[in-house]
Amino acid sequence: MRPGDELVRRANRPNAHSIVIDVTKNSEHLDKAIEESDLVVSLLPYALHPKIAEKCIRFKTNMVTASYTTPQMRELNQAAIDAGITIVNEVGLDPGIDHLLAMECFDHVHSNGGKITSFVSYCGGIPVPENADNPLRYKFSWNPKGVILNSVAAAKWIQNNEVMEIPAGGALMDNTTDIDFLHGYNLEGYPNRDSTQYRDIYGISSAKTVLRGTLRYKGFCDVMKGLHMMNLLDLEPHSSLHPKGPEITWKQFMTLQLGHQDDMLLSNLKNLLFERVGNENRV
């Protein structure tokens, strides 16, 4: 049984149906599904949202996504208005619920004559502790590639009226903060993308510090750092992993990554990896 069929079975609703469409290829089937719908909720990878939005505009169908509003989506704003439809982005946990809770807090402070001098928020969809049972202490609840890319992305925030920046390329995982507001949890956080824009978006011009961060169980960043140091987060295609190439084992691949012959003893490979990452918890 396909996952979608199982969701339909559990929903137990007569108007619930499951269909499988490759949105990058089956345009005719996708068009039909959108045209027959009142609302499209797109949980696809963010790069595919503009394609779906264009079709929603064409068929005058409202749309909701859980992803950040990208420049490509902003470019469709006027077309959506002209079509008389509503397209709402950032309706998830982060971004989404975190926005609502932040604005609720700001409105409460402002309505009582106060002002915001600092805003620091950490948010993340982490599993319950008993299911944080892998080296990352994390379960992919959204596009895995997005999670991995975020770990090597750049970040920017405001601290005491000074713009702080971390360049892309892996340095982000060296800038973690211990999170102790829930004393029963072992948590860490790191800056999430560009927080500087939210001083204006949230209407908190009085804030001297503005930081939106990602929340994870402690150990996540160390493992991600190790993966980066082992060149396992490289976005460029690797010739050894070509779909039509010969089969290759993890041992063979890692020896190639380290610039050695693949006949190396496993114990020697482990020692080389430890030397590369400098911490056995990262392997």
Protein backbone atom coordinates (compact mmCIF):
# COMPACT_ATOMS: atom_id res chain seq x y z
CA MET A 1 0.00 0.00 0.00
CA ARG A 2 1.30 3.45 -0.93
CA PRO A 3 1.72 6.01 1.90
CA GLY A 4 -1.03 8.14 0.36
CA ASP A 5 -3.45 5.22 0.34
CA GLU A 6 -2.73 4.61 4.02
CA LEU A 7 -3.48 8.26 4.84
CA VAL A 8 -6.79 8.02 2.97
CA ARG A 9 -7.68 4.84 4.85
CA ARG A 10 -6.94 6.45 8.21
CA ALA A 11 -8.84 9.63 7.29
CA ASN A 12 -11.95 7.52 6.60
CA ARG A 13 -13.54 10.30 4.55
CA PRO A 14 -15.57 9.65 1.38
CA ASN A 15 -14.03 12.69 -0.36
CA ALA A 16 -10.42 11.69 0.33
CA HIS A 17 -8.49 10.18 -2.58
CA SER A 18 -4.85 9.34 -3.25
CA ILE A 19 -3.15 9.87 -6.60
CA VAL A 20 0.52 9.72 -7.56
CA ILE A 21 1.78 12.42 -9.95
CA ASP A 22 5.31 13.32 -11.02
CA VAL A 23 4.82 17.10 -11.00
CA THR A 24 7.94 17.59 -13.12
CA LYS A 25 6.60 15.43 -15.96
CA ASN A 26 2.87 14.65 -15.81
CA SER A 27 1.62 18.15 -16.55
CA GLU A 28 -1.77 17.01 -17.88
CA HIS A 29 -2.64 15.05 -14.73
CA LEU A 30 -1.37 17.87 -12.52
CA ASP A 31 -3.46 20.42 -14.41
CA LYS A 32 -6.57 18.31 -13.97
CA ALA A 33 -5.99 17.87 -10.21
CA ILE A 34 -5.46 21.61 -9.68
CA GLU A 35 -8.39 22.65 -11.86
CA GLU A 36 -10.76 20.38 -9.92
CA SER A 37 -9.58 21.65 -6.52
CA ASP A 38 -10.63 24.64 -4.39
CA LEU A 39 -7.29 24.80 -2.58
CA VAL A 40 -3.81 23.42 -3.24
CA VAL A 41 -1.60 22.76 -0.21
CA SER A 42 1.91 22.31 -1.59
CA LEU A 43 4.40 20.50 0.62
CA LEU A 44 6.79 19.94 -2.28
CA PRO A 45 10.42 21.11 -2.16
CA TYR A 46 10.43 24.92 -2.28
CA ALA A 47 11.98 25.06 -5.77
CA LEU A 48 8.83 23.46 -7.22
CA HIS A 49 6.34 25.92 -5.68
CA PRO A 50 6.54 28.49 -8.52
CA LYS A 51 5.58 25.81 -11.06
CA ILE A 52 2.52 24.87 -8.98
CA ALA A 53 1.69 28.53 -8.31
CA GLU A 54 1.67 29.34 -12.02
CA LYS A 55 -0.85 26.58 -12.61
CA CYS A 56 -2.96 27.73 -9.64
CA ILE A 57 -3.03 31.22 -11.17
CA ARG A 58 -4.03 29.76 -14.53
CA PHE A 59 -6.91 27.75 -13.06
CA LYS A 60 -7.79 30.35 -10.39
CA THR A 61 -7.15 27.97 -7.50
CA ASN A 62 -6.00 29.20 -4.07
CA MET A 63 -2.69 27.88 -2.75
CA VAL A 64 -0.86 27.45 0.56
CA THR A 65 2.77 26.40 1.15
CA ALA A 66 4.89 25.80 4.25
CA SER A 67 8.05 27.24 2.67
CA TYR A 68 9.76 30.62 2.88
CA THR A 69 8.59 33.20 0.34
CA THR A 70 11.24 33.14 -2.39
CA PRO A 71 11.90 35.89 -4.94
CA GLN A 72 10.37 33.62 -7.59
CA MET A 73 7.12 33.41 -5.61
CA ARG A 74 7.09 37.17 -4.98
CA GLU A 75 7.27 37.74 -8.73
CA LEU A 76 3.90 35.97 -9.07
CA ASN A 77 2.17 38.27 -6.56
CA GLN A 78 0.51 40.57 -9.09
CA ALA A 79 -0.52 37.67 -11.32
CA ALA A 80 -2.24 36.04 -8.34
CA ILE A 81 -4.02 39.31 -7.51
CA ASP A 82 -5.14 39.68 -11.12
CA ALA A 83 -6.46 36.09 -11.06
CA GLY A 84 -8.41 36.84 -7.90
CA ILE A 85 -6.77 34.10 -5.85
CA THR A 86 -4.81 33.96 -2.60
CA ILE A 87 -1.37 32.36 -2.32
CA VAL A 88 -0.05 32.17 1.24
CA ASN A 89 3.49 31.02 2.03
CA GLU A 90 5.23 30.28 5.34
CA VAL A 91 2.28 28.38 6.86
CA GLY A 92 4.17 25.66 8.70
CA LEU A 93 6.04 25.30 11.97
CA ASP A 94 9.12 27.29 10.98
CA PRO A 95 8.27 29.43 9.15
CA GLY A 96 4.68 29.75 10.31
CA ILE A 97 3.68 29.03 13.88
CA ASP A 98 6.84 30.78 15.08
CA HIS A 99 5.68 33.95 13.28
CA LEU A 100 2.27 33.79 14.96
CA LEU A 101 3.72 33.30 18.45
CA ALA A 102 6.23 36.10 17.90
CA MET A 103 3.57 38.55 16.72
CA GLU A 104 1.29 37.60 19.60
CA CYS A 105 4.11 38.43 22.01
CA PHE A 106 4.93 41.72 20.29
CA ASP A 107 1.30 42.83 20.17
CA HIS A 108 0.91 42.07 23.88
CA VAL A 109 4.01 44.14 24.75
CA HIS A 110 3.04 47.05 22.49
CA SER A 111 -0.59 47.11 23.69
CA ASN A 112 0.70 47.55 27.25
CA GLY A 113 2.95 50.46 26.34
CA GLY A 114 6.17 48.49 26.19
CA LYS A 115 8.78 48.08 23.49
CA ILE A 116 10.86 45.19 22.21
CA THR A 117 14.57 45.59 22.93
CA SER A 118 15.68 42.05 22.01
CA PHE A 119 14.14 39.14 20.12
CA VAL A 120 15.83 35.72 20.12
CA SER A 121 13.83 32.72 18.97
CA TYR A 122 14.83 29.10 18.37
CA CYS A 123 12.47 26.70 16.61
CA GLY A 124 12.74 23.19 15.21
CA GLY A 125 10.70 20.08 14.54
CA ILE A 126 12.62 17.58 16.66
CA PRO A 127 11.44 14.03 17.44
CA VAL A 128 10.38 12.94 20.91
CA PRO A 129 13.47 11.88 22.89
CA GLU A 130 12.82 8.15 22.61
CA ASN A 131 12.80 8.43 18.82
CA ALA A 132 15.96 10.55 18.60
CA ASP A 133 17.74 7.24 18.07
CA ASN A 134 20.23 7.94 15.28
CA PRO A 135 23.56 9.84 15.18
CA LEU A 136 21.83 13.07 14.11
CA ARG A 137 19.20 12.80 16.90
CA TYR A 138 16.83 14.00 14.17
CA LYS A 139 14.13 12.65 11.82
CA PHE A 140 13.57 14.24 8.42
CA SER A 141 10.08 15.74 8.48
CA TRP A 142 10.72 17.81 5.35
CA ASN A 143 12.98 17.77 2.31
CA PRO A 144 16.23 16.06 3.51
CA LYS A 145 18.27 18.06 0.99
CA GLY A 146 16.92 21.26 2.53
CA VAL A 147 17.97 20.17 6.02
CA ILE A 148 21.47 19.36 4.81
CA LEU A 149 21.85 22.55 2.76
CA ASN A 150 20.83 24.64 5.76
CA SER A 151 23.71 23.18 7.75
CA VAL A 152 26.25 24.64 5.32
CA ALA A 153 24.36 27.85 4.51
CA ALA A 154 25.23 31.42 5.43
CA ALA A 155 23.55 33.21 8.33
CA LYS A 156 23.03 36.82 9.35
CA TRP A 157 21.52 38.42 12.44
CA ILE A 158 21.60 41.63 14.51
CA GLN A 159 23.36 41.66 17.88
CA ASN A 160 23.49 44.88 19.89
CA ASN A 161 22.75 46.85 16.71
CA GLU A 162 25.66 45.19 14.90
CA VAL A 163 25.09 42.89 11.91
CA MET A 164 26.75 39.52 12.50
CA GLU A 165 27.45 37.18 9.60
CA ILE A 166 28.57 33.59 9.10
CA PRO A 167 29.71 32.67 5.57
CA ALA A 168 28.38 29.66 3.70
CA GLY A 169 30.51 26.54 3.53
CA GLY A 170 30.21 24.82 6.91
CA ALA A 171 31.19 27.47 9.47
CA LEU A 172 27.60 27.59 10.73
CA MET A 173 28.02 24.31 12.61
CA ASP A 174 30.85 25.91 14.63
CA ASN A 175 28.51 28.63 15.90
CA THR A 176 26.13 26.71 18.15
CA THR A 177 24.52 27.86 21.37
CA ASP A 178 23.46 25.66 24.27
CA ILE A 179 19.71 26.01 24.77
CA ASP A 180 18.62 25.57 28.39
CA PHE A 181 15.11 27.02 28.61
CA LEU A 182 13.79 23.43 28.82
CA HIS A 183 15.95 21.94 31.55
CA GLY A 184 14.94 18.34 30.86
CA TYR A 185 16.25 18.46 27.28
CA ASN A 186 19.76 18.47 25.88
CA LEU A 187 19.37 21.09 23.14
CA GLU A 188 21.49 23.31 20.93
CA GLY A 189 20.71 26.02 18.41
CA TYR A 190 22.31 27.93 15.58
CA PRO A 191 21.35 31.01 13.52
CA ASN A 192 18.81 30.40 10.76
CA ARG A 193 19.30 32.22 7.45
CA ASP A 194 18.89 36.02 7.38
CA SER A 195 17.30 37.32 10.60
CA THR A 196 18.06 40.98 9.86
CA GLN A 197 14.97 41.41 7.67
CA TYR A 198 12.63 40.53 10.53
CA ARG A 199 13.18 43.74 12.46
CA ASP A 200 11.13 45.47 9.76
CA ILE A 201 8.81 42.56 8.96
CA TYR A 202 7.86 42.15 12.64
CA GLY A 203 7.69 45.91 13.24
CA ILE A 204 10.19 45.83 16.12
CA SER A 205 12.50 48.69 15.12
CA SER A 206 13.36 49.23 18.80
CA ALA A 207 15.05 45.80 19.02
CA LYS A 208 18.83 45.95 19.29
CA THR A 209 19.14 42.16 18.88
CA VAL A 210 17.15 40.06 16.40
CA LEU A 211 17.97 36.39 15.88
CA ARG A 212 15.87 33.53 14.56
CA GLY A 213 17.56 30.20 15.14
CA THR A 214 17.18 26.49 14.45
CA LEU A 215 16.69 24.08 17.37
CA ARG A 216 18.22 20.60 17.50
CA TYR A 217 19.22 17.98 20.05
CA LYS A 218 22.83 18.41 21.11
CA GLY A 219 25.12 16.40 18.85
CA PHE A 220 23.36 17.23 15.58
CA CYS A 221 25.76 20.04 14.67
CA ASP A 222 28.86 18.01 15.55
CA VAL A 223 27.78 15.15 13.26
CA MET A 224 26.89 17.56 10.45
CA LYS A 225 30.30 19.18 10.86
CA GLY A 226 31.90 15.74 10.51
CA LEU A 227 29.95 14.98 7.33
CA HIS A 228 31.11 18.29 5.89
CA MET A 229 34.73 17.63 6.82
CA MET A 230 34.51 14.23 5.08
CA ASN A 231 33.27 15.99 1.90
CA LEU A 232 29.93 14.18 2.11
CA LEU A 233 27.86 17.37 1.74
CA ASP A 234 29.29 18.42 -1.63
CA LEU A 235 26.52 19.45 -4.04
CA GLU A 236 28.57 18.64 -7.13
CA PRO A 237 27.92 15.21 -8.75
CA HIS A 238 30.64 12.68 -7.97
CA SER A 239 31.84 10.53 -10.85
CA SER A 240 32.03 7.42 -8.64
CA LEU A 241 28.31 7.70 -7.85
CA HIS A 242 27.03 7.90 -11.42
CA PRO A 243 23.76 5.90 -11.70
CA LYS A 244 25.15 3.93 -14.65
CA GLY A 245 28.58 3.41 -13.11
CA PRO A 246 29.89 0.27 -11.40
CA GLU A 247 28.73 -0.60 -7.90
CA ILE A 248 30.84 0.92 -5.13
CA THR A 249 30.96 0.24 -1.39
CA TRP A 250 31.06 2.93 1.30
CA LYS A 251 34.61 1.84 2.15
CA GLN A 252 35.74 2.30 -1.45
CA PHE A 253 34.02 5.67 -1.71
CA MET A 254 35.50 7.01 1.51
CA THR A 255 39.03 5.98 0.55
CA LEU A 256 38.57 7.86 -2.73
CA GLN A 257 37.32 10.88 -0.79
CA LEU A 258 40.52 10.82 1.24
CA GLY A 259 42.70 10.41 -1.85
CA HIS A 260 43.82 6.81 -1.20
CA GLN A 261 43.56 3.46 -2.96
CA ASP A 262 40.45 1.42 -2.17
CA ASP A 263 42.47 -1.61 -1.00
CA MET A 264 43.20 0.14 2.30
CA LEU A 265 42.54 -1.79 5.50
CA LEU A 266 39.33 -0.76 7.25
CA SER A 267 41.21 0.02 10.48
CA ASN A 268 43.56 2.36 8.59
CA LEU A 269 40.59 4.08 6.95
CA LYS A 270 38.98 4.67 10.34
CA ASN A 271 42.21 6.18 11.66
CA LEU A 272 42.39 8.53 8.67
CA LEU A 273 38.79 9.61 9.21
CA PHE A 274 39.45 10.30 12.88
CA GLU A 275 42.45 12.41 11.90
CA ARG A 276 40.35 14.31 9.35
CA VAL A 277 37.42 15.20 11.62
CA GLY A 278 39.34 15.43 14.90
CA ASN A 279 36.50 13.97 16.95
CA GLU A 280 35.22 10.40 16.99
CA ASN A 281 31.68 11.63 17.66
CA ARG A 282 31.68 13.12 14.15
CA VAL A 283 32.21 9.76 12.41
